[in-house]
C-alpha atoms as a PDB file:
ATOM      1  CA  MET A   1       0.000   0.000   0.000  1.00  0.00           C
ATOM      2  CA  ARG A   2       1.389   3.467  -0.896  1.00  0.00           C
ATOM      3  CA  LEU A   3       1.759   5.657   2.172  1.00  0.00           C
ATOM      4  CA  PRO A   4       1.254   9.430   2.167  1.00  0.00           C
ATOM      5  CA  ASP A   5       4.338  11.676   2.301  1.00  0.00           C
ATOM      6  CA  THR A   6       3.203  13.315   5.543  1.00  0.00           C
ATOM      7  CA  PHE A   7       3.199  11.304   8.750  1.00  0.00           C
ATOM      8  CA  ASP A   8      -0.403  10.829   9.857  1.00  0.00           C
ATOM      9  CA  GLU A   9       0.005   9.023  13.175  1.00  0.00           C
ATOM     10  CA  ALA A  10      -3.578   7.830  13.475  1.00  0.00           C
ATOM     11  CA  GLN A  11      -3.526   6.453   9.930  1.00  0.00           C
ATOM     12  CA  MET A  12      -0.135   4.804  10.470  1.00  0.00           C
ATOM     13  CA  LEU A  13      -1.352   3.089  13.633  1.00  0.00           C
ATOM     14  CA  GLU A  14      -4.465   1.843  11.888  1.00  0.00           C
ATOM     15  CA  LEU A  15      -2.429   0.464   8.980  1.00  0.00           C
ATOM     16  CA  LEU A  16       0.036  -1.086  11.421  1.00  0.00           C
ATOM     17  CA  ARG A  17      -2.811  -2.705  13.309  1.00  0.00           C
ATOM     18  CA  GLN A  18      -3.892  -4.284  10.004  1.00  0.00           C
ATOM     19  CA  GLY A  19      -0.387  -5.720   9.482  1.00  0.00           C
ATOM     20  CA  ASP A  20       0.843  -3.255   6.872  1.00  0.00           C
ATOM     21  CA  GLU A  21       4.647  -3.550   6.655  1.00  0.00           C
ATOM     22  CA  SER A  22       5.093  -0.174   4.955  1.00  0.00           C
ATOM     23  CA  SER A  23       3.543   1.611   7.915  1.00  0.00           C
ATOM     24  CA  PHE A  24       5.802  -0.370  10.248  1.00  0.00           C
ATOM     25  CA  ALA A  25       8.852   0.707   8.233  1.00  0.00           C
ATOM     26  CA  SER A  26       7.672   4.319   8.329  1.00  0.00           C
ATOM     27  CA  ILE A  27       7.210   4.205  12.106  1.00  0.00           C
ATOM     28  CA  PHE A  28      10.634   2.617  12.511  1.00  0.00           C
ATOM     29  CA  SER A  29      12.246   5.271  10.310  1.00  0.00           C
ATOM     30  CA  ARG A  30      10.606   8.086  12.265  1.00  0.00           C
ATOM     31  CA  PHE A  31      11.256   6.895  15.820  1.00  0.00           C
ATOM     32  CA  HIS A  32      14.225   4.510  15.882  1.00  0.00           C
ATOM     33  CA  ARG A  33      16.760   7.303  16.520  1.00  0.00           C
ATOM     34  CA  LYS A  34      14.818   8.539  19.532  1.00  0.00           C
ATOM     35  CA  VAL A  35      14.575   5.019  20.924  1.00  0.00           C
ATOM     36  CA  TYR A  36      18.285   4.470  20.300  1.00  0.00           C
ATOM     37  CA  GLY A  37      19.235   7.811  21.895  1.00  0.00           C
ATOM     38  CA  THR A  38      17.164   7.072  24.992  1.00  0.00           C
ATOM     39  CA  ALA A  39      18.742   3.625  25.355  1.00  0.00           C
ATOM     40  CA  LEU A  40      22.261   4.958  24.800  1.00  0.00           C
ATOM     41  CA  GLY A  41      21.755   7.598  27.476  1.00  0.00           C
ATOM     42  CA  PHE A  42      21.118   4.891  30.053  1.00  0.00           C
ATOM     43  CA  LEU A  43      23.203   1.959  28.834  1.00  0.00           C
ATOM     44  CA  LYS A  44      26.258   3.818  27.411  1.00  0.00           C
ATOM     45  CA  SER A  45      26.700   0.959  24.942  1.00  0.00           C
ATOM     46  CA  PRO A  46      25.922   1.282  21.216  1.00  0.00           C
ATOM     47  CA  THR A  47      25.573  -2.501  20.901  1.00  0.00           C
ATOM     48  CA  HIS A  48      23.156  -2.865  23.800  1.00  0.00           C
ATOM     49  CA  SER A  49      21.255   0.221  22.680  1.00  0.00           C
ATOM     50  CA  GLU A  50      20.815  -1.261  19.195  1.00  0.00           C
ATOM     51  CA  GLU A  51      19.478  -4.431  20.824  1.00  0.00           C
ATOM     52  CA  ILE A  52      16.942  -2.322  22.721  1.00  0.00           C
ATOM     53  CA  VAL A  53      15.844  -0.784  19.411  1.00  0.00           C
ATOM     54  CA  GLN A  54      15.373  -4.277  17.983  1.00  0.00           C
ATOM     55  CA  ASP A  55      13.421  -5.395  21.061  1.00  0.00           C
ATOM     56  CA  VAL A  56      11.162  -2.333  21.008  1.00  0.00           C
ATOM     57  CA  PHE A  57      10.218  -2.628  17.348  1.00  0.00           C
ATOM     58  CA  MET A  58       9.876  -6.392  17.534  1.00  0.00           C
ATOM     59  CA  LYS A  59       7.285  -5.813  20.274  1.00  0.00           C
ATOM     60  CA  VAL A  60       5.614  -3.157  18.131  1.00  0.00           C
ATOM     61  CA  TRP A  61       5.202  -5.655  15.305  1.00  0.00           C
ATOM     62  CA  LEU A  62       4.158  -8.580  17.505  1.00  0.00           C
ATOM     63  CA  LYS A  63       1.631  -6.457  19.440  1.00  0.00           C
ATOM     64  CA  ARG A  64       0.418  -4.418  16.456  1.00  0.00           C
ATOM     65  CA  ALA A  65      -3.184  -5.558  16.934  1.00  0.00           C
ATOM     66  CA  GLU A  66      -3.273  -3.711  20.280  1.00  0.00           C
ATOM     67  CA  PHE A  67      -2.289  -0.338  18.844  1.00  0.00           C
ATOM     68  CA  GLY A  68      -5.857   0.830  18.477  1.00  0.00           C
ATOM     69  CA  GLU A  69      -5.629   2.066  22.079  1.00  0.00           C
ATOM     70  CA  VAL A  70      -2.412   4.070  21.607  1.00  0.00           C
ATOM     71  CA  LYS A  71      -3.008   7.841  21.606  1.00  0.00           C
ATOM     72  CA  ASN A  72       0.577   9.140  21.601  1.00  0.00           C
ATOM     73  CA  LEU A  73       2.941   6.864  19.714  1.00  0.00           C
ATOM     74  CA  GLU A  74       6.185   8.589  20.718  1.00  0.00           C
ATOM     75  CA  ALA A  75       5.287   8.542  24.418  1.00  0.00           C
ATOM     76  CA  TYR A  76       4.253   4.891  24.108  1.00  0.00           C
ATOM     77  CA  LEU A  77       7.519   3.886  22.411  1.00  0.00           C
ATOM     78  CA  LEU A  78       9.682   5.759  24.898  1.00  0.00           C
ATOM     79  CA  ALA A  79       7.808   4.243  27.845  1.00  0.00           C
ATOM     80  CA  MET A  80       8.362   0.794  26.318  1.00  0.00           C
ATOM     81  CA  THR A  81      12.039   1.679  25.812  1.00  0.00           C
ATOM     82  CA  ARG A  82      12.511   2.689  29.455  1.00  0.00           C
ATOM     83  CA  HIS A  83      10.774  -0.489  30.586  1.00  0.00           C
ATOM     84  CA  LEU A  84      13.079  -2.670  28.456  1.00  0.00           C
ATOM     85  CA  ILE A  85      16.137  -0.726  29.666  1.00  0.00           C
ATOM     86  CA  LEU A  86      15.113  -1.344  33.269  1.00  0.00           C
ATOM     87  CA  ASP A  87      14.626  -5.040  32.544  1.00  0.00           C
ATOM     88  CA  ARG A  88      18.066  -5.223  30.927  1.00  0.00           C
ATOM     89  CA  LEU A  89      19.741  -3.458  33.866  1.00  0.00           C
ATOM     90  CA  LYS A  90      18.042  -5.801  36.329  1.00  0.00           C
ATOM     91  CA  LYS A  91      19.058  -8.803  34.222  1.00  0.00           C
ATOM     92  CA  ALA A  92      22.665  -7.570  34.016  1.00  0.00           C
ATOM     93  CA  ALA A  93      22.836  -7.259  37.807  1.00  0.00           C
ATOM     94  CA  TYR A  94      21.338 -10.750  38.156  1.00  0.00           C
ATOM     95  CA  GLU A  95      23.753 -12.236  35.620  1.00  0.00           C
ATOM     96  CA  ASN A  96      26.748 -10.582  37.284  1.00  0.00           C
ATOM     97  CA  THR A  97      25.772 -12.232  40.567  1.00  0.00           C
ATOM     98  CA  HIS A  98      25.496 -15.650  38.916  1.00  0.00           C
ATOM     99  CA  LEU A  99      28.660 -15.108  36.887  1.00  0.00           C
ATOM    100  CA  LYS A 100      30.607 -14.594  40.120  1.00  0.00           C
ATOM    101  CA  ALA A 101      29.040 -17.745  41.572  1.00  0.00           C
ATOM    102  CA  PHE A 102      29.965 -19.624  38.411  1.00  0.00           C
ATOM    103  CA  THR A 103      33.565 -18.333  38.474  1.00  0.00           C
ATOM    104  CA  ASP A 104      33.943 -19.232  42.141  1.00  0.00           C
ATOM    105  CA  SER A 105      32.596 -22.718  41.523  1.00  0.00           C
ATOM    106  CA  CYS A 106      35.127 -23.303  38.724  1.00  0.00           C
ATOM    107  CA  THR A 107      37.852 -23.665  41.331  1.00  0.00           C
ATOM    108  CA  HIS A 108      36.092 -26.825  42.519  1.00  0.00           C
ATOM    109  CA  PHE A 109      36.016 -28.515  39.097  1.00  0.00           C
ATOM    110  CA  THR A 110      38.719 -31.208  39.031  1.00  0.00           C
ATOM    111  CA  ASP A 111      37.217 -33.560  36.444  1.00  0.00           C
ATOM    112  CA  THR A 112      38.064 -32.146  32.987  1.00  0.00           C
ATOM    113  CA  THR A 113      35.904 -34.763  31.256  1.00  0.00           C
ATOM    114  CA  ASP A 114      32.862 -33.675  33.248  1.00  0.00           C
ATOM    115  CA  HIS A 115      33.514 -30.028  32.386  1.00  0.00           C
ATOM    116  CA  LEU A 116      33.786 -30.798  28.672  1.00  0.00           C
ATOM    117  CA  LEU A 117      30.602 -32.845  28.858  1.00  0.00           C
ATOM    118  CA  ARG A 118      28.722 -29.870  30.341  1.00  0.00           C
ATOM    119  CA  ASN A 119      29.966 -27.637  27.529  1.00  0.00           C
ATOM    120  CA  ARG A 120      28.987 -30.198  24.905  1.00  0.00           C
ATOM    121  CA  GLN A 121      25.501 -30.555  26.396  1.00  0.00           C
ATOM    122  CA  CYS A 122      25.036 -26.791  26.154  1.00  0.00           C
ATOM    123  CA  GLU A 123      26.165 -26.778  22.523  1.00  0.00           C
ATOM    124  CA  VAL A 124      23.705 -29.572  21.739  1.00  0.00           C
ATOM    125  CA  LEU A 125      20.853 -27.605  23.346  1.00  0.00           C
ATOM    126  CA  LEU A 126      21.779 -24.513  21.353  1.00  0.00           C
ATOM    127  CA  GLU A 127      21.767 -26.503  18.102  1.00  0.00           C
ATOM    128  CA  GLU A 128      18.373 -27.988  19.010  1.00  0.00           C
ATOM    129  CA  ALA A 129      17.006 -24.482  19.593  1.00  0.00           C
ATOM    130  CA  ILE A 130      18.347 -23.288  16.230  1.00  0.00           C
ATOM    131  CA  THR A 131      16.882 -26.321  14.440  1.00  0.00           C
ATOM    132  CA  LEU A 132      13.401 -25.457  15.791  1.00  0.00           C
ATOM    133  CA  LEU A 133      13.488 -21.918  14.353  1.00  0.00           C
ATOM    134  CA  PRO A 134      11.296 -21.019  11.353  1.00  0.00           C
ATOM    135  CA  PRO A 135      13.321 -21.252   8.091  1.00  0.00           C
ATOM    136  CA  GLN A 136      14.052 -17.554   7.556  1.00  0.00           C
ATOM    137  CA  GLN A 137      14.925 -16.931  11.210  1.00  0.00           C
ATOM    138  CA  LYS A 138      17.220 -19.965  11.135  1.00  0.00           C
ATOM    139  CA  GLN A 139      18.962 -18.752   7.959  1.00  0.00           C
ATOM    140  CA  VAL A 140      19.448 -15.230   9.317  1.00  0.00           C
ATOM    141  CA  TYR A 141      20.809 -16.574  12.608  1.00  0.00           C
ATOM    142  CA  ARG A 142      23.297 -18.929  10.932  1.00  0.00           C
ATOM    143  CA  LEU A 143      24.488 -16.308   8.447  1.00  0.00           C
ATOM    144  CA  SER A 144      25.078 -13.891  11.324  1.00  0.00           C
ATOM    145  CA  LYS A 145      26.500 -16.160  14.031  1.00  0.00           C
ATOM    146  CA  THR A 146      28.148 -18.906  11.967  1.00  0.00           C
ATOM    147  CA  ALA A 147      29.141 -17.149   8.757  1.00  0.00           C
ATOM    148  CA  GLY A 148      29.789 -13.830  10.502  1.00  0.00           C
ATOM    149  CA  LEU A 149      27.927 -11.729   7.917  1.00  0.00           C
ATOM    150  CA  SER A 150      26.704  -8.225   8.674  1.00  0.00           C
ATOM    151  CA  GLN A 151      23.005  -7.387   8.525  1.00  0.00           C
ATOM    152  CA  GLU A 152      23.573  -5.587   5.224  1.00  0.00           C
ATOM    153  CA  GLU A 153      25.344  -8.624   3.744  1.00  0.00           C
ATOM    154  CA  ILE A 154      22.591 -10.947   4.952  1.00  0.00           C
ATOM    155  CA  ALA A 155      19.932  -8.678   3.439  1.00  0.00           C
ATOM    156  CA  GLN A 156      21.713  -8.731   0.068  1.00  0.00           C
ATOM    157  CA  GLN A 157      22.228 -12.502   0.118  1.00  0.00           C
ATOM    158  CA  MET A 158      18.620 -13.273   1.077  1.00  0.00           C
ATOM    159  CA  GLY A 159      17.040 -10.563  -1.070  1.00  0.00           C
ATOM    160  CA  ILE A 160      15.226  -8.920   1.849  1.00  0.00           C
ATOM    161  CA  SER A 161      15.486  -5.556   3.591  1.00  0.00           C
ATOM    162  CA  ARG A 162      17.909  -4.847   6.445  1.00  0.00           C
ATOM    163  CA  LEU A 163      14.909  -4.093   8.649  1.00  0.00           C
ATOM    164  CA  THR A 164      13.499  -7.551   7.931  1.00  0.00           C
ATOM    165  CA  VAL A 165      16.879  -9.090   8.788  1.00  0.00           C
ATOM    166  CA  LYS A 166      16.871  -7.255  12.131  1.00  0.00           C
ATOM    167  CA  LYS A 167      13.328  -8.409  12.815  1.00  0.00           C
ATOM    168  CA  HIS A 168      14.151 -12.059  12.042  1.00  0.00           C
ATOM    169  CA  MET A 169      17.327 -11.927  14.151  1.00  0.00           C
ATOM    170  CA  ALA A 170      15.552 -10.432  17.141  1.00  0.00           C
ATOM    171  CA  MET A 171      12.792 -13.033  16.980  1.00  0.00           C
ATOM    172  CA  ALA A 172      15.341 -15.855  16.542  1.00  0.00           C
ATOM    173  CA  LEU A 173      17.262 -14.754  19.640  1.00  0.00           C
ATOM    174  CA  HIS A 174      14.030 -14.483  21.586  1.00  0.00           C
ATOM    175  CA  ARG A 175      13.020 -18.057  20.650  1.00  0.00           C
ATOM    176  CA  ILE A 176      16.490 -19.449  21.379  1.00  0.00           C
ATOM    177  CA  ARG A 177      16.698 -17.755  24.786  1.00  0.00           C
ATOM    178  CA  HIS A 178      13.264 -19.103  25.659  1.00  0.00           C
ATOM    179  CA  TYR A 179      14.217 -22.656  24.624  1.00  0.00           C
ATOM    180  CA  LEU A 180      17.535 -22.606  26.480  1.00  0.00           C
ATOM    181  CA  GLY A 181      15.914 -21.036  29.522  1.00  0.00           C
ATOM    182  CA  GLN A 182      13.585 -24.026  29.749  1.00  0.00           C
ATOM    183  CA  HIS A 183      16.428 -26.557  29.546  1.00  0.00           C
ATOM    184  CA  ILE A 184      19.332 -24.986  31.425  1.00  0.00           C
ATOM    185  CA  SER A 185      19.046 -24.669  35.181  1.00  0.00           C
ATOM    186  CA  SER A 186      22.550 -24.653  36.662  1.00  0.00           C
ATOM    187  CA  TYR A 187      24.369 -21.415  35.880  1.00  0.00           C
ATOM    188  CA  GLY A 188      21.536 -20.601  33.492  1.00  0.00           C
ATOM    189  CA  PRO A 189      22.001 -16.832  33.048  1.00  0.00           C
ATOM    190  CA  PHE A 190      25.757 -17.156  32.486  1.00  0.00           C
ATOM    191  CA  LEU A 191      25.420 -19.984  29.971  1.00  0.00           C
ATOM    192  CA  LEU A 192      22.692 -18.176  28.039  1.00  0.00           C
ATOM    193  CA  TRP A 193      24.967 -15.160  27.765  1.00  0.00           C
ATOM    194  CA  LEU A 194      27.953 -17.305  26.789  1.00  0.00           C
ATOM    195  CA  LEU A 195      26.090 -19.223  24.066  1.00  0.00           C
ATOM    196  CA  LEU A 196      24.311 -16.249  22.501  1.00  0.00           C
ATOM    197  CA  ARG A 197      26.957 -13.511  22.646  1.00  0.00           C
END
């Protein structure tokens, strides 16, 4: 659908609610810098701030049917951004606590075979999680993490937009984290970070 040159927020939200990808791209183009700037102000990390941008707009797309109730899109997006930043900061503090516990416990590992077995089990779980991904998410994930391609290179190879690559990658990571979170108990937060970094 061809969008108007001017940004009509009410019309954009209605088109988004109907699943129109052009309106989603327009909303992303208009607000992603503000979301990124807000995240960077708190997190001081371009990489983590970019991840917040991906998380915010992934939620926008996944929850698009609920946008009929949104009256001020910018305020809504920035509130969502602050909420995700707070979650990330809480998670980082939690992971740091468990990382220290994991590091301390390493001094008690004397059986190298057992340690290698634990690592192998984690790798197997990660591969299982990747195998369960939808085809495009799986391809994007492997091209990024295994082949080491940039988002631009992946977009060119797959014949899709960079925004679509970002969306697939964010959803793939979300699915993988969920799968691993269900199957890893001991040192869970540390291992999730280690496997998905």
